[in-house]
Amino acid sequence: MDEQELLIIRRKIIGIALRQAREEARKTIQDCAALLGISPARYRAYEAGQRDLTLPELEALAWFFQRPISAFLEPDRYAPAPTGDGMAEAIHELLTLRHRIIGLILRQVRERAGKSLREVAAFLGCTPRRIRAYESGERPIPLVELERLCAYLGVSLAEFYDTDSPIGQAVLLLDQIERFRTLPSEIRSFVTAPVHLPYLRLAMRLAELPADRLRHIAEDLLEITL
């Protein structure tokens, strides 16, 4: 199976997850199109896997459906979470800003990886002008192409996630809830017990220490117990 066939399959998987999430959230195609500022026909093409959506569009839809990003990127591993209500405010402006931010991050990641515009363009099978348009935010980058570039440049897609806006924070919280739900039951019980809060705070402080400092602490504890 060649690269193009894999991309077609990937689009269809994301499209199916979009449709399922939309129907469970009781949203119409018109609702979603209005949210993104696109035509219903274009949104319908997203769900059919016939057209690429972008990461900012996916983030906005995840917030709209009250689903974590993983529900669309890894639908086989997702268990639906409770839905909630929200108000859609300034979505179109946020999408425009997010496309520009993603372009900026993409340029930084590309330069950090030591790749030229021509090299990245050759990898995607497009022109350097198109990559330049992605990096300037003039042209939104399709999600499936962004995923490929992450693999090519050696970074995680999460590096491009929105963590600052109200939508980004809401989607991040849903992802955190989903990850918590996948923990073993005994760990969930430990974390949610108020009496264990001091241990969790201690673990957080220890996690911030450099490895050599942790090693010294472990050696000191060993001497005390011997």
Protein backbone atom coordinates (compact mmCIF):
# COMPACT_ATOMS: atom_id res chain seq x y z
CA MET A 1 0.00 0.00 0.00
CA ASP A 2 1.55 3.31 -1.11
CA GLU A 3 1.63 6.61 0.75
CA GLN A 4 -1.33 8.08 -1.13
CA GLU A 5 -3.55 5.12 -0.24
CA LEU A 6 -2.57 5.46 3.41
CA LEU A 7 -3.55 9.13 3.39
CA ILE A 8 -6.95 8.29 1.84
CA ILE A 9 -7.59 5.70 4.56
CA ARG A 10 -6.47 8.14 7.26
CA ARG A 11 -8.87 10.81 6.01
CA LYS A 12 -11.75 8.35 6.04
CA ILE A 13 -10.97 7.22 9.61
CA ILE A 14 -10.95 10.82 10.82
CA GLY A 15 -14.13 11.52 8.86
CA ILE A 16 -15.98 8.61 10.43
CA ALA A 17 -14.90 9.75 13.91
CA LEU A 18 -16.13 13.26 13.11
CA ARG A 19 -19.54 12.01 12.01
CA GLN A 20 -19.97 9.78 15.07
CA ALA A 21 -18.98 12.61 17.43
CA ARG A 22 -21.29 15.07 15.69
CA GLU A 23 -24.28 12.72 15.81
CA GLU A 24 -23.69 11.88 19.48
CA ALA A 25 -23.42 15.60 20.26
CA ARG A 26 -26.68 16.13 18.34
CA LYS A 27 -25.15 18.71 16.05
CA THR A 28 -26.07 19.15 12.40
CA ILE A 29 -23.75 19.52 9.45
CA GLN A 30 -25.01 23.09 9.18
CA ASP A 31 -24.07 23.73 12.83
CA CYS A 32 -20.52 22.54 12.24
CA ALA A 33 -20.13 24.43 8.98
CA ALA A 34 -21.32 27.64 10.63
CA LEU A 35 -18.88 27.11 13.51
CA LEU A 36 -15.94 26.82 11.12
CA GLY A 37 -17.14 29.48 8.70
CA ILE A 38 -17.26 27.06 5.76
CA SER A 39 -19.99 25.68 3.51
CA PRO A 40 -22.01 22.60 4.55
CA ALA A 41 -20.73 20.87 1.40
CA ARG A 42 -17.14 21.35 2.50
CA TYR A 43 -17.85 20.06 6.00
CA ARG A 44 -19.69 17.08 4.53
CA ALA A 45 -16.55 16.34 2.50
CA TYR A 46 -14.56 16.29 5.76
CA GLU A 47 -16.80 13.57 7.17
CA ALA A 48 -16.66 11.64 3.90
CA GLY A 49 -12.87 11.69 3.97
CA GLN A 50 -12.83 13.52 0.65
CA ARG A 51 -11.25 16.74 1.85
CA ASP A 52 -8.58 17.68 4.39
CA LEU A 53 -9.41 19.57 7.55
CA THR A 54 -6.79 21.39 9.61
CA LEU A 55 -5.68 20.95 13.21
CA PRO A 56 -7.29 24.25 14.35
CA GLU A 57 -10.56 23.13 12.76
CA LEU A 58 -10.28 19.78 14.53
CA GLU A 59 -9.59 21.55 17.84
CA ALA A 60 -12.67 23.75 17.39
CA LEU A 61 -14.83 20.73 16.55
CA ALA A 62 -13.43 18.78 19.52
CA TRP A 63 -14.49 21.65 21.77
CA PHE A 64 -17.87 21.90 20.01
CA PHE A 65 -18.52 18.16 20.46
CA GLN A 66 -16.89 18.10 23.92
CA ARG A 67 -14.48 15.37 22.89
CA PRO A 68 -10.72 15.02 23.39
CA ILE A 69 -8.46 15.21 20.34
CA SER A 70 -7.67 11.53 20.83
CA ALA A 71 -11.28 10.70 19.96
CA PHE A 72 -10.48 11.66 16.37
CA LEU A 73 -6.81 10.75 16.07
CA GLU A 74 -7.15 7.41 17.90
CA PRO A 75 -10.89 6.57 17.68
CA ASP A 76 -10.36 2.86 18.40
CA ARG A 77 -8.99 3.70 21.86
CA TYR A 78 -11.56 6.31 22.77
CA ALA A 79 -14.40 5.81 25.21
CA PRO A 80 -17.01 8.64 24.98
CA ALA A 81 -16.90 11.15 27.81
CA PRO A 82 -19.84 13.13 29.16
CA THR A 83 -20.88 16.05 27.00
CA GLY A 84 -21.26 19.63 28.16
CA ASP A 85 -22.55 22.98 27.02
CA GLY A 86 -20.55 25.96 25.80
CA MET A 87 -20.80 29.19 23.86
CA ALA A 88 -19.10 29.60 20.50
CA GLU A 89 -17.39 33.00 20.54
CA ALA A 90 -15.00 34.40 17.97
CA ILE A 91 -14.30 30.99 16.47
CA HIS A 92 -13.43 32.34 13.04
CA GLU A 93 -10.87 34.78 14.43
CA LEU A 94 -9.38 32.07 16.60
CA LEU A 95 -9.04 29.71 13.63
CA THR A 96 -7.18 32.37 11.65
CA LEU A 97 -4.85 33.01 14.58
CA ARG A 98 -4.27 29.31 15.16
CA HIS A 99 -3.33 28.74 11.52
CA ARG A 100 -0.69 31.47 11.82
CA ILE A 101 0.63 30.07 15.09
CA ILE A 102 0.88 26.58 13.61
CA GLY A 103 2.76 28.00 10.64
CA LEU A 104 5.20 29.72 12.97
CA ILE A 105 5.75 26.54 14.98
CA LEU A 106 6.22 24.58 11.77
CA ARG A 107 8.95 26.93 10.59
CA GLN A 108 10.69 26.73 13.97
CA VAL A 109 10.51 22.94 13.99
CA ARG A 110 11.76 22.72 10.39
CA GLU A 111 14.71 25.01 11.08
CA ARG A 112 15.52 23.14 14.29
CA ALA A 113 15.58 19.90 12.31
CA GLY A 114 17.92 21.48 9.76
CA LYS A 115 15.53 20.96 6.85
CA SER A 116 15.14 23.37 3.95
CA LEU A 117 11.88 24.40 2.31
CA ARG A 118 12.85 22.31 -0.71
CA GLU A 119 13.49 19.21 1.39
CA VAL A 120 10.16 19.49 3.17
CA ALA A 121 8.36 20.19 -0.10
CA ALA A 122 9.98 17.16 -1.72
CA PHE A 123 8.84 14.99 1.18
CA LEU A 124 5.22 16.12 0.80
CA GLY A 125 5.39 16.12 -2.99
CA CYS A 126 4.53 19.81 -3.36
CA THR A 127 6.27 23.09 -4.12
CA PRO A 128 8.43 25.13 -1.71
CA ARG A 129 5.96 27.99 -2.26
CA ARG A 130 3.23 25.88 -0.72
CA ILE A 131 5.35 25.13 2.36
CA ARG A 132 6.11 28.84 2.66
CA ALA A 133 2.37 29.56 2.56
CA TYR A 134 1.83 27.01 5.34
CA GLU A 135 4.53 28.59 7.49
CA SER A 136 3.17 32.11 6.99
CA GLY A 137 -0.34 31.03 7.88
CA GLU A 138 -1.63 32.20 4.50
CA ARG A 139 -2.66 28.64 3.68
CA PRO A 140 -3.95 26.30 6.43
CA ILE A 141 -2.05 23.03 6.51
CA PRO A 142 -4.20 19.89 6.24
CA LEU A 143 -4.15 17.71 9.34
CA VAL A 144 -2.91 14.60 7.52
CA GLU A 145 0.01 16.57 6.06
CA LEU A 146 0.82 18.03 9.46
CA GLU A 147 0.91 14.51 10.90
CA ARG A 148 3.34 13.42 8.18
CA LEU A 149 5.57 16.43 8.77
CA CYS A 150 5.65 15.72 12.50
CA ALA A 151 6.95 12.23 11.78
CA TYR A 152 9.44 13.60 9.23
CA LEU A 153 10.73 16.36 11.50
CA GLY A 154 10.80 14.19 14.62
CA VAL A 155 8.23 16.00 16.77
CA SER A 156 4.89 15.13 18.29
CA LEU A 157 1.64 16.54 16.94
CA ALA A 158 0.95 17.69 20.50
CA GLU A 159 3.62 20.37 20.00
CA PHE A 160 1.12 22.15 17.77
CA TYR A 161 -1.87 21.87 20.12
CA ASP A 162 -3.64 24.95 21.38
CA THR A 163 -3.10 25.18 25.16
CA ASP A 164 -3.80 28.89 25.72
CA SER A 165 -7.25 29.81 24.40
CA PRO A 166 -10.49 28.83 26.19
CA ILE A 167 -11.11 26.22 23.50
CA GLY A 168 -7.59 24.83 23.76
CA GLN A 169 -7.80 24.62 27.55
CA ALA A 170 -11.19 22.90 27.36
CA VAL A 171 -9.93 20.33 24.86
CA LEU A 172 -6.78 19.81 26.95
CA LEU A 173 -8.95 19.13 30.01
CA LEU A 174 -10.98 16.58 28.06
CA ASP A 175 -7.75 14.85 27.01
CA GLN A 176 -6.56 14.81 30.61
CA ILE A 177 -9.86 13.32 31.74
CA GLU A 178 -9.60 10.65 29.07
CA ARG A 179 -6.04 9.76 30.09
CA PHE A 180 -7.14 9.57 33.72
CA ARG A 181 -9.92 7.16 32.78
CA THR A 182 -7.39 4.81 31.19
CA LEU A 183 -5.33 4.53 34.41
CA PRO A 184 -5.64 1.36 36.49
CA SER A 185 -8.48 1.58 39.02
CA GLU A 186 -6.15 1.40 42.03
CA ILE A 187 -4.18 4.43 40.76
CA ARG A 188 -7.38 6.40 40.13
CA SER A 189 -8.50 5.60 43.68
CA PHE A 190 -5.17 6.71 45.11
CA VAL A 191 -5.14 9.98 43.16
CA THR A 192 -8.70 10.95 44.10
CA ALA A 193 -8.31 10.27 47.84
CA PRO A 194 -7.83 13.66 49.60
CA VAL A 195 -5.56 12.06 52.21
CA HIS A 196 -3.03 11.28 49.46
CA LEU A 197 -2.70 14.87 48.26
CA PRO A 198 0.60 15.49 50.16
CA TYR A 199 2.15 12.45 48.44
CA LEU A 200 1.06 13.72 45.03
CA ARG A 201 2.53 17.15 45.71
CA LEU A 202 5.78 15.54 46.83
CA ALA A 203 5.85 13.47 43.63
CA MET A 204 5.37 16.65 41.58
CA ARG A 205 8.27 18.36 43.32
CA LEU A 206 10.50 15.31 42.86
CA ALA A 207 9.62 15.16 39.16
CA GLU A 208 11.04 18.67 38.72
CA LEU A 209 14.44 17.74 40.17
CA PRO A 210 17.36 16.81 37.89
CA ALA A 211 18.39 13.15 37.78
CA ASP A 212 21.64 13.65 39.72
CA ARG A 213 19.78 15.37 42.55
CA LEU A 214 17.29 12.50 42.74
CA ARG A 215 20.19 10.06 42.85
CA HIS A 216 21.71 11.85 45.83
CA ILE A 217 18.37 11.83 47.66
CA ALA A 218 18.01 8.09 47.03
CA GLU A 219 21.52 7.46 48.35
CA ASP A 220 20.81 9.50 51.49
CA LEU A 221 17.58 7.57 52.12
CA LEU A 222 19.43 4.30 51.66
CA GLU A 223 22.00 5.30 54.29
CA ILE A 224 19.23 6.19 56.74
CA THR A 225 17.47 2.84 56.35
CA LEU A 226 20.65 0.76 56.69
